[in-house]
Amino acid sequence: MARHFSGCRLRAARRAAGLTAEQVASAVGRTPWTVWKWECGAAAPGIHTADLLADVVGVALPDLLADDRQAVSA
């Protein structure tokens, strides 16, 4: 199963944690613009940064990953 970083999941987790993009950016040593690019899917963080992001927004790293498989009907 192929999995990739999900910007939508990051945005949802950040909002659920009550954090701004600026707060998340500061916590991981990046710019708010970079966080915005991750959330919009224009870029993806490396695994180390993704792990830091998960810690900052209070979720497990797998919660920020999405499955690439397409649903198959029987």
C-alpha atoms as a PDB file:
ATOM      1  CA  MET A   1       0.000   0.000   0.000  1.00  0.00           C
ATOM      2  CA  ALA A   2       1.498   3.285  -1.130  1.00  0.00           C
ATOM      3  CA  ARG A   3       1.021   6.166   1.248  1.00  0.00           C
ATOM      4  CA  HIS A   4       1.859   9.833   0.872  1.00  0.00           C
ATOM      5  CA  PHE A   5       1.764  12.963   2.996  1.00  0.00           C
ATOM      6  CA  SER A   6      -1.691  14.558   3.026  1.00  0.00           C
ATOM      7  CA  GLY A   7      -1.854  18.334   3.197  1.00  0.00           C
ATOM      8  CA  CYS A   8      -5.602  18.167   3.813  1.00  0.00           C
ATOM      9  CA  ARG A   9      -5.026  16.009   6.862  1.00  0.00           C
ATOM     10  CA  LEU A  10      -2.352  18.408   8.124  1.00  0.00           C
ATOM     11  CA  ARG A  11      -4.729  21.356   7.758  1.00  0.00           C
ATOM     12  CA  ALA A  12      -7.534  19.500   9.552  1.00  0.00           C
ATOM     13  CA  ALA A  13      -5.240  18.435  12.397  1.00  0.00           C
ATOM     14  CA  ARG A  14      -3.789  21.947  12.717  1.00  0.00           C
ATOM     15  CA  ARG A  15      -7.242  23.493  12.917  1.00  0.00           C
ATOM     16  CA  ALA A  16      -8.440  20.838  15.380  1.00  0.00           C
ATOM     17  CA  ALA A  17      -5.430  21.689  17.551  1.00  0.00           C
ATOM     18  CA  GLY A  18      -6.358  25.375  17.411  1.00  0.00           C
ATOM     19  CA  LEU A  19      -3.063  26.359  15.803  1.00  0.00           C
ATOM     20  CA  THR A  20      -2.326  28.875  13.078  1.00  0.00           C
ATOM     21  CA  ALA A  21      -0.058  28.115  10.145  1.00  0.00           C
ATOM     22  CA  GLU A  22       2.360  30.645  11.637  1.00  0.00           C
ATOM     23  CA  GLN A  23       2.511  28.727  14.922  1.00  0.00           C
ATOM     24  CA  VAL A  24       3.122  25.429  13.173  1.00  0.00           C
ATOM     25  CA  ALA A  25       5.770  27.003  10.940  1.00  0.00           C
ATOM     26  CA  SER A  26       7.595  28.443  13.931  1.00  0.00           C
ATOM     27  CA  ALA A  27       7.495  25.113  15.761  1.00  0.00           C
ATOM     28  CA  VAL A  28       9.121  23.245  12.872  1.00  0.00           C
ATOM     29  CA  GLY A  29      11.504  25.999  11.793  1.00  0.00           C
ATOM     30  CA  ARG A  30       9.844  26.798   8.464  1.00  0.00           C
ATOM     31  CA  THR A  31       7.908  29.708   7.009  1.00  0.00           C
ATOM     32  CA  PRO A  32       4.111  30.012   7.015  1.00  0.00           C
ATOM     33  CA  TRP A  33       4.332  29.981   3.205  1.00  0.00           C
ATOM     34  CA  THR A  34       5.937  26.525   3.366  1.00  0.00           C
ATOM     35  CA  VAL A  35       3.168  25.247   5.660  1.00  0.00           C
ATOM     36  CA  TRP A  36       0.609  26.646   3.226  1.00  0.00           C
ATOM     37  CA  LYS A  37       2.309  24.809   0.322  1.00  0.00           C
ATOM     38  CA  TRP A  38       2.211  21.549   2.301  1.00  0.00           C
ATOM     39  CA  GLU A  39      -1.458  22.036   3.173  1.00  0.00           C
ATOM     40  CA  CYS A  40      -2.366  22.787  -0.462  1.00  0.00           C
ATOM     41  CA  GLY A  41      -0.418  19.817  -1.794  1.00  0.00           C
ATOM     42  CA  ALA A  42       2.025  21.976  -3.746  1.00  0.00           C
ATOM     43  CA  ALA A  43       4.926  20.441  -1.798  1.00  0.00           C
ATOM     44  CA  ALA A  44       5.491  17.723   0.767  1.00  0.00           C
ATOM     45  CA  PRO A  45       7.764  17.737   3.806  1.00  0.00           C
ATOM     46  CA  GLY A  46      10.495  15.183   4.316  1.00  0.00           C
ATOM     47  CA  ILE A  47       9.840  12.346   6.741  1.00  0.00           C
ATOM     48  CA  HIS A  48      11.657  14.029   9.645  1.00  0.00           C
ATOM     49  CA  THR A  49       9.660  17.233   9.204  1.00  0.00           C
ATOM     50  CA  ALA A  50       6.419  15.290   8.763  1.00  0.00           C
ATOM     51  CA  ASP A  51       7.121  13.576  12.084  1.00  0.00           C
ATOM     52  CA  LEU A  52       7.714  16.976  13.716  1.00  0.00           C
ATOM     53  CA  LEU A  53       4.479  18.284  12.212  1.00  0.00           C
ATOM     54  CA  ALA A  54       2.564  15.344  13.662  1.00  0.00           C
ATOM     55  CA  ASP A  55       3.991  16.094  17.113  1.00  0.00           C
ATOM     56  CA  VAL A  56       3.142  19.792  16.837  1.00  0.00           C
ATOM     57  CA  VAL A  57      -0.487  19.199  15.845  1.00  0.00           C
ATOM     58  CA  GLY A  58      -0.890  16.352  18.325  1.00  0.00           C
ATOM     59  CA  VAL A  59      -1.475  13.369  16.059  1.00  0.00           C
ATOM     60  CA  ALA A  60       0.448  10.243  15.120  1.00  0.00           C
ATOM     61  CA  LEU A  61       2.438  10.431  11.881  1.00  0.00           C
ATOM     62  CA  PRO A  62       0.183   7.872  10.109  1.00  0.00           C
ATOM     63  CA  ASP A  63      -2.719  10.283  10.668  1.00  0.00           C
ATOM     64  CA  LEU A  64      -1.021  12.697   8.255  1.00  0.00           C
ATOM     65  CA  LEU A  65      -0.657  10.074   5.530  1.00  0.00           C
ATOM     66  CA  ALA A  66      -3.166   9.105   2.862  1.00  0.00           C
ATOM     67  CA  ASP A  67      -3.497   5.842   0.974  1.00  0.00           C
ATOM     68  CA  ASP A  68      -2.808   5.977  -2.775  1.00  0.00           C
ATOM     69  CA  ARG A  69      -4.934   2.920  -3.563  1.00  0.00           C
ATOM     70  CA  GLN A  70      -8.174   3.490  -5.393  1.00  0.00           C
ATOM     71  CA  ALA A  71     -11.338   1.840  -4.149  1.00  0.00           C
ATOM     72  CA  VAL A  72     -12.169  -1.164  -6.259  1.00  0.00           C
ATOM     73  CA  SER A  73     -15.753  -2.355  -6.627  1.00  0.00           C
ATOM     74  CA  ALA A  74     -16.369  -6.058  -6.552  1.00  0.00           C
END
